[in-house]
Amino acid sequence: MDKNAKIFLAIIGVVVLGVIAAAVFRGNAGPTGPGEYDGFAQCLADESAVFYGAFWCQHCQNQKKLFGSSQKLLPYVECSTPNGQGQIKECIDKKVMTYPTWEFADGSRMTGEIPLSTLAEKTSCSLRQSSSEASELPK
C-alpha cells in the first residue's frame, strides 16, 4: 500500500472514531432544554425537599424519569461512592438506608418511587406550575 493510501485510511479512521465518540457522548448526555416539570422540580428544592439516591439504583432512575427533562432541577443528592460500594458522608450522617429516599422540610421521609402527585401534596408544590412562574416566585 502506498503512503497516500495509508494517510487516507488513517484520516478516515480518525473521522469514524470522532463520529462514534460524538454519538456516544450525545447519547449519554442528560436531558436539556426546558421541561414540563421545571417549576415543580424547582419548587421541591425551594421547599427543602431532598431526593437521596444512587446511580446504580433502578428505582432512583425510575423516579428521575417521572420528571423527564426537568430531572436536571431536582434537589438530588448522589449517595453512592463512585465505585458503588459505599456511601458519601452526607448520606451516612443523614442515616439514609434505602433508595430512593425523599426527606422533607418537616424532617419526615418517604422511601421508594413516589408519585409526583404525592410529592406535590407533601410539599404544597403545584404540578401545573410552569418554569416561568417558578422564576417569578420570591426567594
Protein backbone atom coordinates (compact mmCIF):
# COMPACT_ATOMS: atom_id res chain seq x y z
CA MET A 1 0.00 0.00 0.00
CA ASP A 2 1.44 3.36 -0.90
CA LYS A 3 2.00 6.24 1.51
CA ASN A 4 -1.03 8.28 0.29
CA ALA A 5 -3.40 5.35 0.77
CA LYS A 6 -2.15 4.85 4.33
CA ILE A 7 -2.66 8.54 5.13
CA PHE A 8 -6.14 8.44 3.60
CA LEU A 9 -7.12 5.38 5.67
CA ALA A 10 -5.70 6.96 8.82
CA ILE A 11 -7.78 10.10 8.26
CA ILE A 12 -10.91 8.04 7.60
CA GLY A 13 -10.25 6.08 10.82
CA VAL A 14 -9.91 9.27 12.88
CA VAL A 15 -13.12 10.70 11.39
CA VAL A 16 -15.05 7.48 12.08
CA LEU A 17 -13.78 7.39 15.68
CA GLY A 18 -14.80 11.04 16.11
CA VAL A 19 -18.31 10.36 14.84
CA ILE A 20 -18.66 7.35 17.14
CA ALA A 21 -17.37 9.31 20.14
CA ALA A 22 -19.78 12.18 19.42
CA ALA A 23 -22.72 9.77 19.16
CA VAL A 24 -21.81 8.07 22.44
CA PHE A 25 -21.34 11.39 24.24
CA ARG A 26 -24.61 12.77 22.90
CA GLY A 27 -26.43 9.55 23.86
CA ASN A 28 -25.18 9.76 27.46
CA ALA A 29 -25.92 13.45 27.90
CA GLY A 30 -28.71 14.32 30.30
CA PRO A 31 -31.93 15.97 29.24
CA THR A 32 -31.58 19.54 28.02
CA GLY A 33 -33.91 22.48 27.47
CA PRO A 34 -36.98 23.44 29.48
CA GLY A 35 -39.07 20.61 30.81
CA GLU A 36 -42.72 20.13 31.67
CA TYR A 37 -41.97 19.90 35.40
CA ASP A 38 -39.26 22.57 35.72
CA GLY A 39 -41.38 24.72 38.03
CA PHE A 40 -42.40 21.72 40.11
CA ALA A 41 -38.83 20.46 40.50
CA GLN A 42 -37.64 23.96 41.44
CA CYS A 43 -40.46 24.27 43.97
CA LEU A 44 -39.42 20.97 45.58
CA ALA A 45 -35.93 22.40 46.06
CA ASP A 46 -37.34 25.71 47.35
CA GLU A 47 -39.47 23.77 49.84
CA SER A 48 -36.32 21.99 51.12
CA ALA A 49 -37.29 18.55 49.85
CA VAL A 50 -34.25 16.38 49.13
CA PHE A 51 -34.08 13.27 46.95
CA TYR A 52 -31.32 10.87 48.05
CA GLY A 53 -30.39 8.18 45.58
CA ALA A 54 -27.67 6.13 43.95
CA PHE A 55 -26.62 5.89 40.31
CA TRP A 56 -26.96 2.10 40.34
CA CYS A 57 -30.49 2.15 41.84
CA GLN A 58 -33.15 1.31 39.23
CA HIS A 59 -35.92 2.80 41.41
CA CYS A 60 -33.95 6.07 41.54
CA GLN A 61 -33.69 6.06 37.75
CA ASN A 62 -37.44 5.43 37.52
CA GLN A 63 -38.11 8.32 39.93
CA LYS A 64 -35.98 10.66 37.82
CA LYS A 65 -37.75 9.56 34.63
CA LEU A 66 -41.07 10.76 36.08
CA PHE A 67 -39.63 14.29 35.81
CA GLY A 68 -38.50 13.91 32.21
CA SER A 69 -36.12 16.67 31.16
CA SER A 70 -36.92 18.52 34.40
CA GLN A 71 -34.85 16.00 36.38
CA LYS A 72 -31.85 18.33 35.97
CA LEU A 73 -33.52 20.65 38.53
CA LEU A 74 -34.26 18.00 41.15
CA PRO A 75 -32.84 18.54 44.62
CA TYR A 76 -30.88 15.29 44.19
CA VAL A 77 -28.02 14.00 46.33
CA GLU A 78 -25.95 11.15 44.92
CA CYS A 79 -25.26 8.95 47.93
CA SER A 80 -23.11 6.30 46.29
CA THR A 81 -19.37 6.43 46.12
CA PRO A 82 -18.09 6.29 42.53
CA ASN A 83 -17.28 2.58 42.83
CA GLY A 84 -20.84 1.80 44.01
CA GLN A 85 -19.53 0.11 47.16
CA GLY A 86 -20.23 2.75 49.80
CA GLN A 87 -21.98 5.97 50.77
CA ILE A 88 -20.83 9.58 50.92
CA LYS A 89 -20.60 11.22 54.35
CA GLU A 90 -23.74 13.34 53.95
CA CYS A 91 -25.90 10.24 53.41
CA ILE A 92 -24.22 8.36 56.26
CA ASP A 93 -24.81 11.33 58.58
CA LYS A 94 -28.46 11.54 57.45
CA LYS A 95 -28.81 7.77 58.02
CA VAL A 96 -30.16 7.17 54.52
CA MET A 97 -30.59 3.40 54.39
CA THR A 98 -32.67 2.83 51.25
CA TYR A 99 -33.06 4.41 47.83
CA PRO A 100 -34.78 6.47 46.77
CA THR A 101 -35.39 8.40 49.98
CA TRP A 102 -37.15 11.76 49.97
CA GLU A 103 -36.67 13.98 53.01
CA PHE A 104 -38.94 16.97 53.59
CA ALA A 105 -38.61 20.27 55.47
CA ASP A 106 -40.51 18.89 58.47
CA GLY A 107 -37.95 16.06 58.81
CA SER A 108 -40.33 13.36 57.57
CA ARG A 109 -39.25 10.87 54.93
CA MET A 110 -40.75 8.73 52.22
CA THR A 111 -38.95 5.88 50.50
CA GLY A 112 -39.42 4.15 47.19
CA GLU A 113 -40.74 5.56 43.94
CA ILE A 114 -43.06 8.38 44.98
CA PRO A 115 -45.78 9.56 42.58
CA LEU A 116 -45.46 13.22 41.59
CA SER A 117 -48.94 13.89 42.98
CA THR A 118 -47.81 12.64 46.40
CA LEU A 119 -44.71 14.85 46.30
CA ALA A 120 -46.97 17.78 45.37
CA GLU A 121 -49.27 17.11 48.34
CA LYS A 122 -46.36 16.70 50.75
CA THR A 123 -44.68 19.96 49.71
CA SER A 124 -47.65 22.12 48.59
CA CYS A 125 -45.92 22.45 45.20
CA SER A 126 -48.18 22.56 42.17
CA LEU A 127 -47.62 20.07 39.38
CA ARG A 128 -49.05 22.65 36.99
CA GLN A 129 -46.56 25.36 37.91
CA SER A 130 -44.69 26.48 34.81
CA SER A 131 -40.97 27.20 34.83
CA SER A 132 -41.67 30.92 34.20
CA GLU A 133 -43.93 31.03 37.27
CA ALA A 134 -41.19 29.42 39.34
CA SER A 135 -38.66 32.05 38.31
CA GLU A 136 -41.09 34.79 39.39
CA LEU A 137 -41.59 33.37 42.88
CA PRO A 138 -39.89 35.31 45.69
CA LYS A 139 -36.80 33.57 47.02
